[in-house]
Amino acid sequence: MHAAALRYRVMAYITGVLIIVVCFVGIPLQLAAHNTFIVNDIGTLHGFLYIVYIVFAYILAQKLKMKLWPTVLLLLAGTIPVMTFFVERWMQRTYIAPALAAESATSTQQPVGR
């Protein structure tokens, strides 16, 4: 569970930063200076990494046994600038931290016998 949560969180931050760069730096540069480097190259990188984010987020949602609508929100968070940061914090508080706490509580219990 810890590895799946870590992979999701890293990809959430990466895709969140890239979409912010594309929307708030690349598009204004394209409109003002006709510079398409950021929109084309960073936008393409964001698109590829968003697919990786989708895979990791879906794996995490399955491990956490999330319902349909929270899963849909989780998967779509990488399409709206800054939303990945809010959804990541919500996921951390609502799903990831309780699941990790429950996992560590069960792993610290010593087996009885011998």
N, C-alpha and C. Protein backbone atom coordinates (compact mmCIF):
# COMPACT_ATOMS: atom_id res chain seq x y z
N MET A 1 0.83 -1.20 0.00
CA MET A 1 0.00 0.00 0.00
C MET A 1 0.87 1.26 0.00
N HIS A 2 1.94 1.22 0.78
CA HIS A 2 2.80 2.40 0.88
C HIS A 2 3.41 2.75 -0.47
N ALA A 3 3.86 1.76 -1.21
CA ALA A 3 4.48 2.00 -2.52
C ALA A 3 3.46 2.57 -3.51
N ALA A 4 2.25 2.04 -3.50
CA ALA A 4 1.21 2.53 -4.41
C ALA A 4 0.86 3.98 -4.09
N ALA A 5 0.78 4.31 -2.81
CA ALA A 5 0.48 5.68 -2.40
C ALA A 5 1.61 6.63 -2.79
N LEU A 6 2.84 6.19 -2.61
CA LEU A 6 3.98 7.03 -2.97
C LEU A 6 4.02 7.28 -4.48
N ARG A 7 3.82 6.22 -5.28
CA ARG A 7 3.81 6.39 -6.74
C ARG A 7 2.72 7.37 -7.16
N TYR A 8 1.52 7.23 -6.57
CA TYR A 8 0.43 8.14 -6.90
C TYR A 8 0.79 9.58 -6.53
N ARG A 9 1.30 9.79 -5.33
CA ARG A 9 1.59 11.15 -4.88
C ARG A 9 2.66 11.81 -5.73
N VAL A 10 3.70 11.08 -6.10
CA VAL A 10 4.76 11.64 -6.96
C VAL A 10 4.17 12.04 -8.31
N MET A 11 3.38 11.16 -8.90
CA MET A 11 2.80 11.47 -10.21
C MET A 11 1.78 12.61 -10.11
N ALA A 12 1.07 12.71 -9.01
CA ALA A 12 0.13 13.82 -8.84
C ALA A 12 0.86 15.16 -8.84
N TYR A 13 1.97 15.23 -8.13
CA TYR A 13 2.74 16.48 -8.10
C TYR A 13 3.37 16.79 -9.45
N ILE A 14 3.90 15.78 -10.11
CA ILE A 14 4.53 16.02 -11.41
C ILE A 14 3.52 16.50 -12.43
N THR A 15 2.39 15.80 -12.56
CA THR A 15 1.38 16.21 -13.54
C THR A 15 0.78 17.56 -13.17
N GLY A 16 0.62 17.82 -11.88
CA GLY A 16 0.09 19.11 -11.45
C GLY A 16 1.01 20.26 -11.82
N VAL A 17 2.29 20.10 -11.60
CA VAL A 17 3.25 21.15 -11.94
C VAL A 17 3.30 21.35 -13.45
N LEU A 18 3.31 20.26 -14.21
CA LEU A 18 3.41 20.39 -15.67
C LEU A 18 2.19 21.08 -16.28
N ILE A 19 1.00 20.76 -15.79
CA ILE A 19 -0.18 21.41 -16.37
C ILE A 19 -0.23 22.89 -15.98
N ILE A 20 0.29 23.24 -14.81
CA ILE A 20 0.38 24.65 -14.43
C ILE A 20 1.35 25.38 -15.35
N VAL A 21 2.49 24.76 -15.64
CA VAL A 21 3.47 25.38 -16.55
C VAL A 21 2.86 25.57 -17.93
N VAL A 22 2.17 24.56 -18.43
CA VAL A 22 1.56 24.67 -19.77
C VAL A 22 0.50 25.78 -19.79
N CYS A 23 -0.37 25.78 -18.80
CA CYS A 23 -1.49 26.74 -18.82
C CYS A 23 -1.09 28.17 -18.48
N PHE A 24 -0.20 28.35 -17.51
CA PHE A 24 0.10 29.69 -17.04
C PHE A 24 1.39 30.28 -17.58
N VAL A 25 2.21 29.45 -18.24
CA VAL A 25 3.42 29.96 -18.87
C VAL A 25 3.37 29.72 -20.38
N GLY A 26 3.09 28.49 -20.76
CA GLY A 26 3.13 28.12 -22.17
C GLY A 26 2.09 28.80 -23.02
N ILE A 27 0.86 28.81 -22.59
CA ILE A 27 -0.20 29.43 -23.40
C ILE A 27 0.00 30.94 -23.51
N PRO A 28 0.30 31.67 -22.43
CA PRO A 28 0.58 33.10 -22.60
C PRO A 28 1.79 33.36 -23.52
N LEU A 29 2.83 32.54 -23.42
CA LEU A 29 3.97 32.70 -24.32
C LEU A 29 3.59 32.44 -25.76
N GLN A 30 2.75 31.47 -25.96
CA GLN A 30 2.30 31.17 -27.32
C GLN A 30 1.48 32.32 -27.89
N LEU A 31 0.63 32.89 -27.08
CA LEU A 31 -0.21 33.99 -27.56
C LEU A 31 0.57 35.29 -27.72
N ALA A 32 1.45 35.59 -26.79
CA ALA A 32 2.16 36.87 -26.82
C ALA A 32 3.38 36.86 -27.73
N ALA A 33 4.16 35.78 -27.69
CA ALA A 33 5.43 35.77 -28.42
C ALA A 33 5.49 34.71 -29.52
N HIS A 34 4.38 34.04 -29.75
CA HIS A 34 4.33 32.97 -30.77
C HIS A 34 5.37 31.90 -30.52
N ASN A 35 5.68 31.66 -29.24
CA ASN A 35 6.64 30.64 -28.84
C ASN A 35 5.84 29.39 -28.45
N THR A 36 5.96 28.35 -29.24
CA THR A 36 5.15 27.15 -29.00
C THR A 36 5.93 26.02 -28.32
N PHE A 37 7.17 26.27 -27.92
CA PHE A 37 7.98 25.21 -27.31
C PHE A 37 7.31 24.61 -26.09
N ILE A 38 6.90 25.46 -25.15
CA ILE A 38 6.34 24.95 -23.89
C ILE A 38 5.03 24.23 -24.14
N VAL A 39 4.16 24.83 -24.95
CA VAL A 39 2.87 24.22 -25.20
C VAL A 39 3.04 22.88 -25.90
N ASN A 40 3.90 22.84 -26.90
CA ASN A 40 4.07 21.59 -27.65
C ASN A 40 4.84 20.54 -26.87
N ASP A 41 6.01 20.87 -26.40
CA ASP A 41 6.88 19.86 -25.78
C ASP A 41 6.46 19.52 -24.35
N ILE A 42 6.27 20.53 -23.53
CA ILE A 42 5.87 20.28 -22.14
C ILE A 42 4.43 19.73 -22.12
N GLY A 43 3.60 20.22 -23.03
CA GLY A 43 2.23 19.70 -23.13
C GLY A 43 2.21 18.22 -23.50
N THR A 44 3.08 17.83 -24.42
CA THR A 44 3.19 16.42 -24.80
C THR A 44 3.71 15.59 -23.64
N LEU A 45 4.70 16.10 -22.93
CA LEU A 45 5.23 15.40 -21.75
C LEU A 45 4.14 15.24 -20.69
N HIS A 46 3.38 16.31 -20.47
CA HIS A 46 2.27 16.22 -19.51
C HIS A 46 1.27 15.15 -19.95
N GLY A 47 0.95 15.11 -21.23
CA GLY A 47 0.00 14.11 -21.73
C GLY A 47 0.48 12.69 -21.48
N PHE A 48 1.76 12.43 -21.74
CA PHE A 48 2.31 11.10 -21.50
C PHE A 48 2.30 10.78 -20.00
N LEU A 49 2.77 11.72 -19.19
CA LEU A 49 2.84 11.47 -17.75
C LEU A 49 1.45 11.41 -17.11
N TYR A 50 0.47 12.06 -17.73
CA TYR A 50 -0.91 11.97 -17.22
C TYR A 50 -1.42 10.55 -17.38
N ILE A 51 -1.04 9.88 -18.45
CA ILE A 51 -1.43 8.48 -18.62
C ILE A 51 -0.81 7.62 -17.51
N VAL A 52 0.45 7.89 -17.18
CA VAL A 52 1.10 7.17 -16.08
C VAL A 52 0.38 7.48 -14.76
N TYR A 53 0.01 8.75 -14.57
CA TYR A 53 -0.75 9.15 -13.38
C TYR A 53 -2.07 8.38 -13.29
N ILE A 54 -2.78 8.26 -14.41
CA ILE A 54 -4.05 7.54 -14.44
C ILE A 54 -3.85 6.09 -13.99
N VAL A 55 -2.82 5.46 -14.50
CA VAL A 55 -2.55 4.06 -14.13
C VAL A 55 -2.27 3.94 -12.63
N PHE A 56 -1.38 4.78 -12.12
CA PHE A 56 -1.04 4.71 -10.69
C PHE A 56 -2.23 5.08 -9.80
N ALA A 57 -3.00 6.08 -10.21
CA ALA A 57 -4.17 6.48 -9.42
C ALA A 57 -5.22 5.37 -9.41
N TYR A 58 -5.41 4.71 -10.55
CA TYR A 58 -6.38 3.62 -10.61
C TYR A 58 -5.94 2.44 -9.73
N ILE A 59 -4.66 2.12 -9.78
CA ILE A 59 -4.15 1.03 -8.93
C ILE A 59 -4.38 1.37 -7.46
N LEU A 60 -4.10 2.62 -7.08
CA LEU A 60 -4.32 3.04 -5.70
C LEU A 60 -5.81 2.97 -5.34
N ALA A 61 -6.67 3.43 -6.23
CA ALA A 61 -8.12 3.40 -5.97
C ALA A 61 -8.60 1.96 -5.77
N GLN A 62 -8.07 1.04 -6.54
CA GLN A 62 -8.44 -0.36 -6.38
C GLN A 62 -7.95 -0.93 -5.05
N LYS A 63 -6.74 -0.58 -4.67
CA LYS A 63 -6.21 -1.06 -3.39
C LYS A 63 -7.00 -0.49 -2.21
N LEU A 64 -7.48 0.75 -2.36
CA LEU A 64 -8.24 1.39 -1.29
C LEU A 64 -9.73 1.04 -1.34
N LYS A 65 -10.13 0.31 -2.38
CA LYS A 65 -11.54 -0.07 -2.57
C LYS A 65 -12.45 1.15 -2.58
N MET A 66 -12.05 2.16 -3.36
CA MET A 66 -12.82 3.40 -3.43
C MET A 66 -14.07 3.20 -4.28
N LYS A 67 -15.09 4.01 -4.00
CA LYS A 67 -16.33 3.97 -4.78
C LYS A 67 -16.12 4.68 -6.12
N LEU A 68 -17.14 4.63 -6.97
CA LEU A 68 -17.02 5.12 -8.34
C LEU A 68 -16.72 6.62 -8.42
N TRP A 69 -17.52 7.46 -7.76
CA TRP A 69 -17.36 8.92 -7.94
C TRP A 69 -16.07 9.47 -7.36
N PRO A 70 -15.62 9.02 -6.19
CA PRO A 70 -14.30 9.48 -5.75
C PRO A 70 -13.18 9.02 -6.69
N THR A 71 -13.34 7.83 -7.27
CA THR A 71 -12.34 7.35 -8.22
C THR A 71 -12.32 8.20 -9.48
N VAL A 72 -13.49 8.56 -9.97
CA VAL A 72 -13.58 9.42 -11.16
C VAL A 72 -12.94 10.78 -10.87
N LEU A 73 -13.23 11.35 -9.71
CA LEU A 73 -12.61 12.62 -9.33
C LEU A 73 -11.09 12.49 -9.26
N LEU A 74 -10.62 11.41 -8.69
CA LEU A 74 -9.19 11.15 -8.60
C LEU A 74 -8.56 11.07 -9.98
N LEU A 75 -9.19 10.38 -10.91
CA LEU A 75 -8.63 10.19 -12.23
C LEU A 75 -8.67 11.47 -13.07
N LEU A 76 -9.66 12.31 -12.87
CA LEU A 76 -9.78 13.54 -13.66
C LEU A 76 -9.00 14.71 -13.07
N ALA A 77 -8.43 14.55 -11.91
CA ALA A 77 -7.75 15.67 -11.23
C ALA A 77 -6.59 16.22 -12.03
N GLY A 78 -5.95 15.42 -12.85
CA GLY A 78 -4.80 15.88 -13.63
C GLY A 78 -5.15 16.70 -14.84
N THR A 79 -6.44 16.92 -15.08
CA THR A 79 -6.85 17.69 -16.27
C THR A 79 -7.12 19.15 -15.97
N ILE A 80 -7.24 19.51 -14.72
CA ILE A 80 -7.55 20.89 -14.33
C ILE A 80 -6.37 21.45 -13.54
N PRO A 81 -5.83 22.60 -13.96
CA PRO A 81 -4.68 23.16 -13.23
C PRO A 81 -4.99 23.32 -11.74
N VAL A 82 -4.08 23.01 -10.92
CA VAL A 82 -4.07 23.06 -9.45
C VAL A 82 -4.98 22.03 -8.78
N MET A 83 -5.84 21.38 -9.51
CA MET A 83 -6.75 20.43 -8.86
C MET A 83 -6.02 19.21 -8.31
N THR A 84 -4.94 18.80 -8.94
CA THR A 84 -4.23 17.63 -8.43
C THR A 84 -3.73 17.85 -7.01
N PHE A 85 -3.35 19.07 -6.69
CA PHE A 85 -2.84 19.34 -5.35
C PHE A 85 -3.95 19.23 -4.30
N PHE A 86 -5.14 19.75 -4.63
CA PHE A 86 -6.26 19.65 -3.70
C PHE A 86 -6.73 18.20 -3.55
N VAL A 87 -6.82 17.49 -4.66
CA VAL A 87 -7.27 16.10 -4.61
C VAL A 87 -6.24 15.22 -3.90
N GLU A 88 -4.97 15.49 -4.12
CA GLU A 88 -3.92 14.72 -3.44
C GLU A 88 -4.03 14.89 -1.92
N ARG A 89 -4.23 16.11 -1.46
CA ARG A 89 -4.37 16.35 -0.01
C ARG A 89 -5.62 15.68 0.52
N TRP A 90 -6.73 15.76 -0.23
CA TRP A 90 -7.98 15.11 0.16
C TRP A 90 -7.79 13.59 0.23
N MET A 91 -7.10 13.04 -0.76
CA MET A 91 -6.83 11.59 -0.77
C MET A 91 -5.98 11.21 0.43
N GLN A 92 -4.99 12.02 0.72
CA GLN A 92 -4.09 11.73 1.84
C GLN A 92 -4.86 11.69 3.15
N ARG A 93 -5.70 12.69 3.38
CA ARG A 93 -6.46 12.75 4.63
C ARG A 93 -7.55 11.68 4.70
N THR A 94 -8.29 11.50 3.61
CA THR A 94 -9.48 10.68 3.64
C THR A 94 -9.21 9.19 3.45
N TYR A 95 -8.28 8.86 2.58
CA TYR A 95 -8.08 7.45 2.23
C TYR A 95 -6.69 6.90 2.59
N ILE A 96 -5.64 7.60 2.19
CA ILE A 96 -4.30 7.04 2.29
C ILE A 96 -3.84 6.93 3.75
N ALA A 97 -3.92 8.01 4.51
CA ALA A 97 -3.45 7.98 5.90
C ALA A 97 -4.20 6.95 6.74
N PRO A 98 -5.54 6.88 6.66
CA PRO A 98 -6.22 5.83 7.44
C PRO A 98 -5.83 4.41 7.00
N ALA A 99 -5.65 4.21 5.70
CA ALA A 99 -5.29 2.87 5.22
C ALA A 99 -3.89 2.49 5.67
N LEU A 100 -2.96 3.44 5.63
CA LEU A 100 -1.60 3.16 6.10
C LEU A 100 -1.57 2.93 7.60
N ALA A 101 -2.37 3.68 8.33
CA ALA A 101 -2.43 3.49 9.79
C ALA A 101 -2.99 2.11 10.12
N ALA A 102 -4.04 1.70 9.42
CA ALA A 102 -4.61 0.37 9.65
C ALA A 102 -3.63 -0.72 9.27
N GLU A 103 -2.91 -0.49 8.18
CA GLU A 103 -1.91 -1.47 7.73
C GLU A 103 -0.78 -1.62 8.74
N SER A 104 -0.31 -0.49 9.28
CA SER A 104 0.78 -0.57 10.26
C SER A 104 0.29 -1.16 11.58
N ALA A 105 -0.96 -0.92 11.93
CA ALA A 105 -1.50 -1.48 13.16
C ALA A 105 -1.59 -3.00 13.08
N THR A 106 -1.99 -3.51 11.93
CA THR A 106 -2.08 -4.96 11.79
C THR A 106 -0.70 -5.61 11.67
N SER A 107 0.26 -4.87 11.12
CA SER A 107 1.60 -5.47 10.97
C SER A 107 2.39 -5.45 12.27
N THR A 108 2.03 -4.58 13.21
CA THR A 108 2.76 -4.51 14.48
C THR A 108 2.26 -5.53 15.49
N GLN A 109 1.12 -6.12 15.24
CA GLN A 109 0.62 -7.15 16.16
C GLN A 109 1.47 -8.39 16.01
N GLN A 110 1.91 -8.90 17.14
CA GLN A 110 2.76 -10.08 17.15
C GLN A 110 1.90 -11.34 17.10
N PRO A 111 2.30 -12.31 16.33
CA PRO A 111 1.53 -13.57 16.33
C PRO A 111 1.67 -14.30 17.67
N VAL A 112 0.60 -14.94 18.08
CA VAL A 112 0.56 -15.64 19.35
C VAL A 112 1.04 -17.07 19.13
N GLY A 113 1.82 -17.56 20.07
CA GLY A 113 2.23 -18.97 19.96
C GLY A 113 3.72 -19.13 20.06
N ARG A 114 4.17 -20.33 19.88
CA ARG A 114 5.54 -20.79 19.88
C ARG A 114 6.39 -20.00 20.74
